[in-house]
């Protein structure tokens, strides 16, 4: 007799190696966008709705990854939390790390995460920046849950000639990249500066 186990019987500490099929994810995400599109009266409201949906996901993924982390380490620095997001969070959600993490040259409170082929923009026919608002909400949820107050926005920028184009196998190559602009609050910057001393 085989003993059937439910999802609740599985250990939470064991990292999952299963992956959701791309078609199932695409269907689920396109339904989420359609749901919010029918209730939004403008593009900016649609972006806000998608970002708020992603916010809860970001908060929960931070909780899960923190629980699975064996050394119970909490990120207290701006660069360390952004590296955590662009590597660990991205790998957990999308199966790969983000393409790039950069600090703004012009503004000391701004950082950017680049993704040349975000999964969210492959399955919807709305504006690319609108569909990437969901990921900006995820980033915002992780940051808020970790104690870093920030404003996160998604932008679509053309890929410059000669710039590397990363993409998923079987997915069409894009002519633009997603840029997630993270602008930290003054309190967070002051706290980070105090830790430098």
N, C-alpha and C. Protein backbone atom coordinates (compact mmCIF):
# COMPACT_ATOMS: atom_id res chain seq x y z
N UNK A 1 0.83 -1.17 0.00
CA UNK A 1 0.00 0.00 0.00
C UNK A 1 0.88 1.24 0.00
N UNK A 2 0.67 2.10 -0.94
CA UNK A 2 1.46 3.33 -0.97
C UNK A 2 0.75 4.41 -0.16
N UNK A 3 1.55 5.14 0.54
CA UNK A 3 1.01 6.20 1.37
C UNK A 3 1.05 7.50 0.58
N UNK A 4 -0.10 8.07 0.28
CA UNK A 4 -0.11 9.32 -0.48
C UNK A 4 0.14 10.49 0.47
N UNK A 5 0.95 11.41 -0.01
CA UNK A 5 1.27 12.57 0.81
C UNK A 5 0.70 13.82 0.15
N UNK A 6 0.26 14.71 0.97
CA UNK A 6 -0.25 15.97 0.44
C UNK A 6 0.87 16.99 0.43
N UNK A 7 0.61 18.12 -0.16
CA UNK A 7 1.62 19.18 -0.23
C UNK A 7 1.96 19.70 1.17
N UNK A 8 1.03 19.57 2.10
CA UNK A 8 1.26 20.02 3.46
C UNK A 8 2.20 19.11 4.24
N UNK A 9 2.37 17.86 3.77
CA UNK A 9 3.26 16.92 4.44
C UNK A 9 4.71 17.06 4.01
N UNK A 10 4.97 17.79 2.95
CA UNK A 10 6.33 17.95 2.46
C UNK A 10 7.11 18.92 3.34
N UNK A 11 8.41 18.67 3.53
CA UNK A 11 9.21 19.60 4.36
C UNK A 11 9.43 20.93 3.65
N UNK A 12 9.30 22.02 4.38
CA UNK A 12 9.48 23.35 3.79
C UNK A 12 10.95 23.71 3.64
N UNK A 13 11.80 23.13 4.48
CA UNK A 13 13.22 23.47 4.44
C UNK A 13 13.92 22.92 3.21
N UNK A 14 13.41 21.85 2.65
CA UNK A 14 14.04 21.25 1.48
C UNK A 14 13.76 22.11 0.26
N UNK A 15 14.82 22.60 -0.41
CA UNK A 15 14.57 23.43 -1.60
C UNK A 15 13.91 22.62 -2.70
N UNK A 16 13.01 23.26 -3.39
CA UNK A 16 12.27 22.58 -4.45
C UNK A 16 13.08 22.58 -5.74
N UNK A 17 13.06 21.45 -6.41
CA UNK A 17 13.71 21.38 -7.72
C UNK A 17 12.68 21.31 -8.83
N UNK A 18 11.41 21.17 -8.46
CA UNK A 18 10.35 21.13 -9.47
C UNK A 18 10.20 22.50 -10.11
N UNK A 19 9.74 22.50 -11.34
CA UNK A 19 9.49 23.75 -12.03
C UNK A 19 8.09 23.73 -12.60
N UNK A 20 7.48 24.89 -12.60
CA UNK A 20 6.17 25.04 -13.22
C UNK A 20 6.38 25.15 -14.72
N UNK A 21 5.53 24.49 -15.49
CA UNK A 21 5.69 24.57 -16.94
C UNK A 21 5.46 26.00 -17.41
N UNK A 22 6.17 26.36 -18.46
CA UNK A 22 6.10 27.72 -18.98
C UNK A 22 4.68 28.04 -19.47
N UNK A 23 4.00 27.07 -20.05
CA UNK A 23 2.65 27.33 -20.54
C UNK A 23 1.66 27.56 -19.39
N UNK A 24 1.83 26.82 -18.29
CA UNK A 24 0.96 27.03 -17.13
C UNK A 24 1.20 28.41 -16.53
N UNK A 25 2.46 28.78 -16.41
CA UNK A 25 2.79 30.11 -15.88
C UNK A 25 2.25 31.20 -16.81
N UNK A 26 2.42 31.01 -18.11
CA UNK A 26 1.94 32.00 -19.07
C UNK A 26 0.43 32.18 -18.99
N UNK A 27 -0.29 31.08 -18.86
CA UNK A 27 -1.74 31.15 -18.76
C UNK A 27 -2.15 31.87 -17.48
N UNK A 28 -1.55 31.49 -16.37
CA UNK A 28 -1.88 32.09 -15.08
C UNK A 28 -1.59 33.59 -15.08
N UNK A 29 -0.42 33.96 -15.61
CA UNK A 29 -0.05 35.37 -15.61
C UNK A 29 -0.94 36.18 -16.56
N UNK A 30 -1.25 35.63 -17.73
CA UNK A 30 -2.11 36.38 -18.66
C UNK A 30 -3.51 36.56 -18.07
N UNK A 31 -3.99 35.58 -17.32
CA UNK A 31 -5.28 35.73 -16.64
C UNK A 31 -5.22 36.81 -15.56
N UNK A 32 -4.10 36.88 -14.85
CA UNK A 32 -3.92 37.93 -13.84
C UNK A 32 -3.96 39.31 -14.48
N UNK A 33 -3.28 39.45 -15.61
CA UNK A 33 -3.26 40.73 -16.32
C UNK A 33 -4.66 41.07 -16.83
N UNK A 34 -5.36 40.09 -17.41
CA UNK A 34 -6.72 40.33 -17.90
C UNK A 34 -7.66 40.74 -16.76
N UNK A 35 -7.52 40.08 -15.62
CA UNK A 35 -8.35 40.40 -14.46
C UNK A 35 -8.17 41.86 -14.07
N UNK A 36 -6.92 42.29 -13.95
CA UNK A 36 -6.66 43.67 -13.55
C UNK A 36 -6.99 44.66 -14.67
N UNK A 37 -6.85 44.23 -15.91
CA UNK A 37 -7.13 45.12 -17.05
C UNK A 37 -8.61 45.47 -17.11
N UNK A 38 -9.48 44.51 -16.79
CA UNK A 38 -10.91 44.78 -16.84
C UNK A 38 -11.36 45.70 -15.71
N UNK A 39 -10.57 45.78 -14.64
CA UNK A 39 -10.94 46.60 -13.49
C UNK A 39 -10.21 47.93 -13.44
N UNK A 40 -9.22 48.11 -14.29
CA UNK A 40 -8.45 49.36 -14.29
C UNK A 40 -9.01 50.32 -15.32
N UNK A 41 -9.04 51.59 -14.98
CA UNK A 41 -9.56 52.60 -15.90
C UNK A 41 -8.46 53.29 -16.69
N UNK A 42 -7.20 53.07 -16.31
CA UNK A 42 -6.09 53.69 -17.04
C UNK A 42 -4.86 52.78 -16.96
N UNK A 43 -3.86 53.10 -17.78
CA UNK A 43 -2.62 52.32 -17.79
C UNK A 43 -1.90 52.43 -16.45
N UNK A 44 -1.88 53.61 -15.87
CA UNK A 44 -1.19 53.78 -14.58
C UNK A 44 -1.89 52.99 -13.48
N UNK A 45 -3.21 52.91 -13.52
CA UNK A 45 -3.93 52.11 -12.53
C UNK A 45 -3.64 50.62 -12.74
N UNK A 46 -3.52 50.19 -13.99
CA UNK A 46 -3.17 48.80 -14.28
C UNK A 46 -1.78 48.47 -13.73
N UNK A 47 -0.83 49.39 -13.92
CA UNK A 47 0.52 49.19 -13.37
C UNK A 47 0.47 49.08 -11.85
N UNK A 48 -0.31 49.95 -11.21
CA UNK A 48 -0.43 49.91 -9.74
C UNK A 48 -1.04 48.60 -9.28
N UNK A 49 -2.05 48.12 -9.98
CA UNK A 49 -2.70 46.87 -9.60
C UNK A 49 -1.75 45.68 -9.75
N UNK A 50 -1.00 45.64 -10.86
CA UNK A 50 -0.04 44.55 -11.06
C UNK A 50 1.07 44.61 -10.02
N UNK A 51 1.54 45.82 -9.73
CA UNK A 51 2.59 45.97 -8.72
C UNK A 51 2.10 45.53 -7.34
N UNK A 52 0.86 45.85 -7.01
CA UNK A 52 0.34 45.43 -5.70
C UNK A 52 0.15 43.91 -5.63
N UNK A 53 -0.16 43.28 -6.75
CA UNK A 53 -0.23 41.81 -6.79
C UNK A 53 1.15 41.21 -6.57
N UNK A 54 2.15 41.80 -7.19
CA UNK A 54 3.52 41.33 -7.02
C UNK A 54 4.07 41.58 -5.64
N UNK A 55 3.59 42.64 -4.98
CA UNK A 55 4.07 43.01 -3.65
C UNK A 55 3.88 41.85 -2.66
N UNK A 56 2.71 41.25 -2.67
CA UNK A 56 2.45 40.13 -1.77
C UNK A 56 3.33 38.93 -2.06
N UNK A 57 3.59 38.69 -3.35
CA UNK A 57 4.48 37.59 -3.74
C UNK A 57 5.89 37.87 -3.21
N UNK A 58 6.35 39.10 -3.35
CA UNK A 58 7.68 39.47 -2.87
C UNK A 58 7.82 39.30 -1.38
N UNK A 59 6.80 39.69 -0.65
CA UNK A 59 6.82 39.56 0.80
C UNK A 59 6.91 38.09 1.20
N UNK A 60 6.13 37.24 0.54
CA UNK A 60 6.11 35.81 0.86
C UNK A 60 7.38 35.09 0.42
N UNK A 61 7.95 35.47 -0.72
CA UNK A 61 9.18 34.80 -1.17
C UNK A 61 10.33 35.16 -0.24
N UNK A 62 10.35 36.38 0.27
CA UNK A 62 11.37 36.76 1.26
C UNK A 62 11.22 35.91 2.51
N UNK A 63 9.99 35.74 2.96
CA UNK A 63 9.73 34.92 4.14
C UNK A 63 10.18 33.48 3.92
N UNK A 64 9.86 32.91 2.77
CA UNK A 64 10.24 31.53 2.47
C UNK A 64 11.75 31.36 2.38
N UNK A 65 12.41 32.24 1.63
CA UNK A 65 13.86 32.13 1.48
C UNK A 65 14.59 32.40 2.79
N UNK A 66 14.06 33.29 3.61
CA UNK A 66 14.67 33.54 4.92
C UNK A 66 14.52 32.32 5.82
N UNK A 67 13.38 31.67 5.73
CA UNK A 67 13.15 30.47 6.54
C UNK A 67 14.06 29.33 6.10
N UNK A 68 14.28 29.21 4.80
CA UNK A 68 15.15 28.15 4.28
C UNK A 68 16.63 28.43 4.52
N UNK A 69 16.99 29.68 4.76
CA UNK A 69 18.38 30.05 4.98
C UNK A 69 18.84 29.48 6.32
N UNK A 70 19.88 28.66 6.27
CA UNK A 70 20.31 27.95 7.46
C UNK A 70 21.01 28.85 8.49
N UNK A 71 21.70 29.89 8.06
CA UNK A 71 22.44 30.72 9.01
C UNK A 71 21.62 31.89 9.57
N UNK A 72 20.34 31.96 9.23
CA UNK A 72 19.44 33.01 9.74
C UNK A 72 20.04 34.41 9.59
N UNK A 73 20.63 34.66 8.47
CA UNK A 73 21.26 35.95 8.22
C UNK A 73 20.24 36.93 7.66
N UNK A 74 20.26 38.13 8.18
CA UNK A 74 19.36 39.18 7.70
C UNK A 74 20.20 40.24 7.01
N UNK A 75 19.81 40.60 5.81
CA UNK A 75 20.55 41.61 5.06
C UNK A 75 20.29 42.99 5.66
N UNK A 76 21.36 43.74 5.92
CA UNK A 76 21.22 45.06 6.51
C UNK A 76 21.80 46.16 5.63
N UNK A 77 22.47 45.79 4.56
CA UNK A 77 23.10 46.76 3.67
C UNK A 77 22.34 46.81 2.34
N UNK A 78 22.37 47.95 1.70
CA UNK A 78 21.65 48.13 0.44
C UNK A 78 22.16 47.17 -0.63
N UNK A 79 23.48 47.14 -0.82
CA UNK A 79 24.02 46.28 -1.88
C UNK A 79 23.78 44.81 -1.60
N UNK A 80 23.84 44.40 -0.35
CA UNK A 80 23.64 42.98 -0.04
C UNK A 80 22.19 42.56 -0.29
N UNK A 81 21.21 43.41 0.04
CA UNK A 81 19.81 43.05 -0.23
C UNK A 81 19.53 43.04 -1.73
N UNK A 82 20.15 43.97 -2.48
CA UNK A 82 19.95 43.99 -3.93
C UNK A 82 20.61 42.78 -4.59
N UNK A 83 21.76 42.36 -4.10
CA UNK A 83 22.39 41.15 -4.62
C UNK A 83 21.56 39.92 -4.29
N UNK A 84 20.96 39.90 -3.11
CA UNK A 84 20.07 38.82 -2.72
C UNK A 84 18.87 38.75 -3.67
N UNK A 85 18.30 39.91 -3.99
CA UNK A 85 17.16 39.95 -4.90
C UNK A 85 17.55 39.50 -6.30
N UNK A 86 18.65 40.07 -6.83
CA UNK A 86 19.02 39.77 -8.22
C UNK A 86 19.58 38.37 -8.40
N UNK A 87 19.95 37.70 -7.32
CA UNK A 87 20.44 36.33 -7.47
C UNK A 87 19.45 35.33 -6.87
N UNK A 88 19.32 35.29 -5.56
CA UNK A 88 18.50 34.26 -4.90
C UNK A 88 17.01 34.36 -5.23
N UNK A 89 16.46 35.56 -5.11
CA UNK A 89 15.02 35.73 -5.39
C UNK A 89 14.74 35.46 -6.86
N UNK A 90 15.56 36.01 -7.75
CA UNK A 90 15.37 35.82 -9.19
C UNK A 90 15.45 34.34 -9.55
N UNK A 91 16.44 33.62 -8.97
CA UNK A 91 16.59 32.18 -9.26
C UNK A 91 15.39 31.40 -8.75
N UNK A 92 14.87 31.75 -7.59
CA UNK A 92 13.71 31.05 -7.05
C UNK A 92 12.47 31.26 -7.90
N UNK A 93 12.30 32.46 -8.42
CA UNK A 93 11.10 32.77 -9.18
C UNK A 93 11.21 32.45 -10.66
N UNK A 94 12.37 32.74 -11.26
CA UNK A 94 12.49 32.66 -12.71
C UNK A 94 13.51 31.62 -13.19
N UNK A 95 14.17 30.92 -12.28
CA UNK A 95 15.10 29.87 -12.66
C UNK A 95 16.47 30.36 -13.11
N UNK A 96 16.73 31.62 -12.98
CA UNK A 96 18.04 32.19 -13.37
C UNK A 96 18.21 33.52 -12.65
N UNK A 97 19.46 33.98 -12.58
CA UNK A 97 19.73 35.27 -11.93
C UNK A 97 19.38 36.41 -12.88
N UNK A 98 19.20 37.59 -12.34
CA UNK A 98 18.99 38.78 -13.17
C UNK A 98 20.26 39.04 -13.96
N UNK A 99 20.13 39.72 -15.09
CA UNK A 99 21.27 39.93 -15.97
C UNK A 99 22.28 40.92 -15.42
N UNK A 100 21.84 41.93 -14.69
CA UNK A 100 22.78 42.94 -14.22
C UNK A 100 22.19 43.72 -13.06
N UNK A 101 23.07 44.18 -12.18
CA UNK A 101 22.70 45.06 -11.08
C UNK A 101 23.68 46.22 -11.11
N UNK A 102 23.16 47.45 -11.18
CA UNK A 102 24.03 48.62 -11.29
C UNK A 102 23.54 49.74 -10.38
N UNK A 103 24.50 50.56 -9.96
CA UNK A 103 24.18 51.75 -9.18
C UNK A 103 24.17 52.93 -10.14
N UNK A 104 23.23 53.84 -9.95
CA UNK A 104 23.13 55.01 -10.81
C UNK A 104 24.33 55.92 -10.58
N UNK A 105 24.86 56.46 -11.65
CA UNK A 105 25.99 57.37 -11.57
C UNK A 105 25.50 58.76 -11.16
N UNK A 106 24.34 59.15 -11.66
CA UNK A 106 23.81 60.50 -11.44
C UNK A 106 23.16 60.68 -10.07
N UNK A 107 22.49 59.65 -9.57
CA UNK A 107 21.75 59.75 -8.31
C UNK A 107 22.23 58.66 -7.35
N UNK A 108 22.65 59.06 -6.16
CA UNK A 108 23.20 58.09 -5.21
C UNK A 108 22.13 57.20 -4.58
N UNK A 109 20.87 57.60 -4.67
CA UNK A 109 19.80 56.82 -4.06
C UNK A 109 19.13 55.86 -5.04
N UNK A 110 19.64 55.75 -6.26
CA UNK A 110 19.01 54.91 -7.28
C UNK A 110 19.91 53.74 -7.69
N UNK A 111 19.26 52.58 -7.81
CA UNK A 111 19.91 51.37 -8.28
C UNK A 111 19.03 50.77 -9.36
N UNK A 112 19.63 49.94 -10.23
CA UNK A 112 18.88 49.36 -11.33
C UNK A 112 19.18 47.87 -11.46
N UNK A 113 18.14 47.09 -11.64
CA UNK A 113 18.27 45.68 -11.96
C UNK A 113 17.82 45.52 -13.40
N UNK A 114 18.68 44.90 -14.23
CA UNK A 114 18.39 44.72 -15.65
C UNK A 114 18.02 43.26 -15.92
N UNK A 115 17.01 43.07 -16.74
CA UNK A 115 16.63 41.74 -17.22
C UNK A 115 16.35 41.86 -18.71
N UNK A 116 17.12 41.14 -19.50
CA UNK A 116 16.98 41.24 -20.95
C UNK A 116 15.78 40.49 -21.49
N UNK A 117 15.27 39.55 -20.74
CA UNK A 117 14.11 38.79 -21.21
C UNK A 117 13.24 38.37 -20.02
N UNK A 118 12.53 39.32 -19.41
CA UNK A 118 11.68 38.94 -18.28
C UNK A 118 10.53 38.05 -18.74
N UNK A 119 10.27 37.04 -17.97
CA UNK A 119 9.24 36.06 -18.34
C UNK A 119 7.87 36.72 -18.45
N UNK A 120 7.60 37.72 -17.62
CA UNK A 120 6.27 38.32 -17.60
C UNK A 120 5.90 39.01 -18.90
N UNK A 121 6.85 39.51 -19.64
CA UNK A 121 6.51 40.23 -20.86
C UNK A 121 6.43 39.32 -22.08
N UNK A 122 6.64 38.03 -21.90
CA UNK A 122 6.53 37.09 -23.02
C UNK A 122 5.10 36.63 -23.27
N UNK A 123 4.21 36.83 -22.32
CA UNK A 123 2.89 36.22 -22.41
C UNK A 123 1.73 37.19 -22.53
N UNK A 124 2.02 38.47 -22.58
CA UNK A 124 0.94 39.44 -22.67
C UNK A 124 1.20 40.40 -23.82
N UNK A 125 0.13 40.96 -24.34
CA UNK A 125 0.27 41.86 -25.48
C UNK A 125 0.17 43.33 -25.08
N UNK A 126 0.13 43.62 -23.78
CA UNK A 126 0.12 45.02 -23.35
C UNK A 126 1.54 45.56 -23.37
N UNK A 127 1.67 46.82 -23.09
CA UNK A 127 2.97 47.49 -23.03
C UNK A 127 3.94 46.69 -22.15
N UNK A 128 5.20 46.56 -22.60
CA UNK A 128 6.20 45.77 -21.87
C UNK A 128 6.42 46.31 -20.46
N UNK A 129 6.49 47.62 -20.31
CA UNK A 129 6.72 48.21 -18.99
C UNK A 129 5.55 47.92 -18.06
N UNK A 130 4.33 47.85 -18.61
CA UNK A 130 3.15 47.55 -17.80
C UNK A 130 3.23 46.11 -17.29
N UNK A 131 3.59 45.18 -18.17
CA UNK A 131 3.67 43.79 -17.74
C UNK A 131 4.81 43.55 -16.77
N UNK A 132 5.87 44.37 -16.84
CA UNK A 132 6.99 44.24 -15.91
C UNK A 132 6.69 44.88 -14.56
N UNK A 133 5.57 45.58 -14.44
CA UNK A 133 5.19 46.20 -13.16
C UNK A 133 4.97 45.14 -12.09
N UNK A 134 4.56 43.95 -12.50
CA UNK A 134 4.38 42.84 -11.55
C UNK A 134 5.70 42.52 -10.86
N UNK A 135 6.78 42.46 -11.64
CA UNK A 135 8.10 42.16 -11.07
C UNK A 135 8.56 43.32 -10.17
N UNK A 136 8.26 44.55 -10.57
CA UNK A 136 8.64 45.68 -9.71
C UNK A 136 7.91 45.59 -8.37
N UNK A 137 6.69 45.09 -8.38
CA UNK A 137 5.96 44.87 -7.13
C UNK A 137 6.60 43.80 -6.27
N UNK A 138 7.10 42.74 -6.91
CA UNK A 138 7.80 41.68 -6.18
C UNK A 138 9.04 42.26 -5.51
N UNK A 139 9.82 43.05 -6.26
CA UNK A 139 11.03 43.67 -5.70
C UNK A 139 10.65 44.58 -4.53
N UNK A 140 9.60 45.37 -4.70
CA UNK A 140 9.14 46.26 -3.63
C UNK A 140 8.71 45.49 -2.38
N UNK A 141 8.05 44.36 -2.57
CA UNK A 141 7.63 43.53 -1.43
C UNK A 141 8.81 42.95 -0.67
N UNK A 142 9.82 42.48 -1.41
CA UNK A 142 11.02 41.95 -0.76
C UNK A 142 11.73 43.05 0.02
N UNK A 143 11.88 44.21 -0.60
CA UNK A 143 12.58 45.32 0.06
C UNK A 143 11.83 45.79 1.31
N UNK A 144 10.52 45.94 1.19
CA UNK A 144 9.72 46.39 2.34
C UNK A 144 9.76 45.37 3.47
N UNK A 145 9.68 44.09 3.12
CA UNK A 145 9.74 43.04 4.13
C UNK A 145 11.08 42.98 4.84
N UNK A 146 12.14 43.37 4.14
CA UNK A 146 13.49 43.36 4.72
C UNK A 146 13.81 44.66 5.45
N UNK A 147 12.90 45.63 5.42
CA UNK A 147 13.12 46.88 6.13
C UNK A 147 13.79 47.96 5.32
N UNK A 148 13.69 47.88 3.99
CA UNK A 148 14.28 48.88 3.10
C UNK A 148 13.15 49.59 2.37
N UNK A 149 12.81 50.78 2.81
CA UNK A 149 11.75 51.54 2.17
C UNK A 149 12.27 52.08 0.84
N UNK A 150 11.56 51.76 -0.23
CA UNK A 150 12.01 52.18 -1.56
C UNK A 150 10.82 52.27 -2.50
N UNK A 151 11.00 53.03 -3.56
CA UNK A 151 10.01 53.13 -4.63
C UNK A 151 10.60 52.39 -5.83
N UNK A 152 9.88 51.41 -6.35
CA UNK A 152 10.37 50.60 -7.46
C UNK A 152 9.48 50.82 -8.66
N UNK A 153 10.10 51.05 -9.81
CA UNK A 153 9.33 51.22 -11.05
C UNK A 153 9.98 50.41 -12.16
N UNK A 154 9.15 49.99 -13.11
CA UNK A 154 9.64 49.20 -14.24
C UNK A 154 9.66 50.07 -15.49
N UNK A 155 10.72 49.92 -16.26
CA UNK A 155 10.87 50.68 -17.50
C UNK A 155 11.36 49.74 -18.60
N UNK A 156 11.00 50.04 -19.81
CA UNK A 156 11.46 49.29 -20.96
C UNK A 156 12.40 50.19 -21.76
N UNK A 157 13.65 49.73 -21.95
CA UNK A 157 14.68 50.53 -22.61
C UNK A 157 15.22 49.75 -23.80
N UNK A 158 15.44 50.44 -24.92
CA UNK A 158 15.99 49.78 -26.10
C UNK A 158 17.39 49.26 -25.83
N UNK A 159 17.68 48.09 -26.37
CA UNK A 159 19.02 47.51 -26.26
C UNK A 159 19.92 48.22 -27.25
N UNK A 160 21.05 48.70 -26.76
CA UNK A 160 21.99 49.42 -27.62
C UNK A 160 22.74 48.45 -28.52
N UNK A 161 23.21 48.96 -29.64
CA UNK A 161 23.95 48.14 -30.59
C UNK A 161 25.21 47.60 -29.93
N UNK A 162 25.45 46.32 -30.08
CA UNK A 162 26.62 45.68 -29.50
C UNK A 162 26.41 45.19 -28.08
N UNK A 163 25.26 45.53 -27.48
CA UNK A 163 24.97 45.09 -26.12
C UNK A 163 24.54 43.63 -26.15
N UNK A 164 24.96 42.88 -25.15
CA UNK A 164 24.64 41.46 -25.07
C UNK A 164 23.13 41.28 -24.91
N UNK A 165 22.58 40.29 -25.62
CA UNK A 165 21.16 39.98 -25.51
C UNK A 165 21.04 38.59 -24.90
N UNK A 166 20.59 38.54 -23.67
CA UNK A 166 20.33 37.25 -23.03
C UNK A 166 18.89 36.90 -23.31
N UNK A 167 18.63 35.62 -23.38
CA UNK A 167 17.27 35.20 -23.60
C UNK A 167 17.09 33.75 -23.21
N UNK A 168 15.86 33.34 -23.07
CA UNK A 168 15.56 31.97 -22.76
C UNK A 168 15.49 31.16 -24.04
N UNK A 169 15.89 29.93 -23.96
CA UNK A 169 15.84 29.05 -25.12
C UNK A 169 14.38 28.87 -25.53
N UNK A 170 14.12 29.03 -26.80
CA UNK A 170 12.77 28.88 -27.32
C UNK A 170 11.92 30.14 -27.24
N UNK A 171 12.44 31.19 -26.63
CA UNK A 171 11.70 32.44 -26.52
C UNK A 171 12.24 33.44 -27.55
N UNK A 172 11.40 34.27 -28.10
CA UNK A 172 11.87 35.25 -29.07
C UNK A 172 12.81 36.26 -28.44
N UNK A 173 13.79 36.71 -29.22
CA UNK A 173 14.73 37.70 -28.74
C UNK A 173 14.06 39.07 -28.75
N UNK A 174 14.28 39.85 -27.71
CA UNK A 174 13.66 41.17 -27.59
C UNK A 174 14.59 42.25 -28.11
N UNK A 175 14.01 43.37 -28.48
CA UNK A 175 14.78 44.54 -28.91
C UNK A 175 14.93 45.53 -27.76
N UNK A 176 14.32 45.20 -26.63
CA UNK A 176 14.41 46.07 -25.47
C UNK A 176 14.69 45.23 -24.23
N UNK A 177 15.05 45.90 -23.16
CA UNK A 177 15.32 45.22 -21.89
C UNK A 177 14.48 45.86 -20.80
N UNK A 178 14.22 45.10 -19.78
CA UNK A 178 13.47 45.62 -18.64
C UNK A 178 14.47 46.18 -17.63
N UNK A 179 14.19 47.38 -17.18
CA UNK A 179 15.01 48.03 -16.15
C UNK A 179 14.10 48.30 -14.96
N UNK A 180 14.49 47.75 -13.81
CA UNK A 180 13.74 47.97 -12.59
C UNK A 180 14.51 49.00 -11.77
N UNK A 181 13.97 50.20 -11.72
CA UNK A 181 14.62 51.33 -11.04
C UNK A 181 14.17 51.35 -9.59
N UNK A 182 15.15 51.31 -8.69
CA UNK A 182 14.88 51.27 -7.26
C UNK A 182 15.42 52.56 -6.64
N UNK A 183 14.53 53.33 -6.06
CA UNK A 183 14.91 54.61 -5.43
C UNK A 183 14.65 54.47 -3.94
N UNK A 184 15.73 54.44 -3.16
CA UNK A 184 15.63 54.24 -1.71
C UNK A 184 15.27 55.54 -1.00
N UNK A 185 14.60 55.40 0.15
CA UNK A 185 14.25 56.57 0.95
C UNK A 185 15.50 57.11 1.65
N UNK A 186 15.38 58.33 2.11
CA UNK A 186 16.52 59.00 2.78
C UNK A 186 16.92 58.26 4.06
N UNK A 187 15.94 57.72 4.79
CA UNK A 187 16.23 56.98 6.02
C UNK A 187 17.12 55.77 5.75
N UNK A 188 16.82 55.06 4.69
CA UNK A 188 17.60 53.86 4.35
C UNK A 188 19.02 54.25 3.99
N UNK A 189 19.18 55.33 3.24
CA UNK A 189 20.52 55.79 2.86
C UNK A 189 21.32 56.23 4.09
N UNK A 190 20.66 56.92 5.02
CA UNK A 190 21.33 57.34 6.26
C UNK A 190 21.76 56.13 7.08
N UNK A 191 20.89 55.14 7.17
CA UNK A 191 21.22 53.92 7.92
C UNK A 191 22.41 53.21 7.30
N UNK A 192 22.43 53.13 5.97
CA UNK A 192 23.54 52.48 5.27
C UNK A 192 24.84 53.25 5.47
N UNK A 193 24.76 54.58 5.48
CA UNK A 193 25.96 55.41 5.71
C UNK A 193 26.49 55.22 7.12
N UNK A 194 25.61 55.06 8.10
CA UNK A 194 26.04 54.82 9.49
C UNK A 194 26.77 53.49 9.60
N UNK A 195 26.33 52.49 8.85
CA UNK A 195 26.98 51.18 8.89
C UNK A 195 28.36 51.22 8.25
N UNK A 196 28.60 52.20 7.38
CA UNK A 196 29.91 52.35 6.75
C UNK A 196 30.96 52.87 7.72
N UNK A 197 30.52 53.59 8.73
CA UNK A 197 31.48 54.19 9.68
C UNK A 197 32.10 53.18 10.58
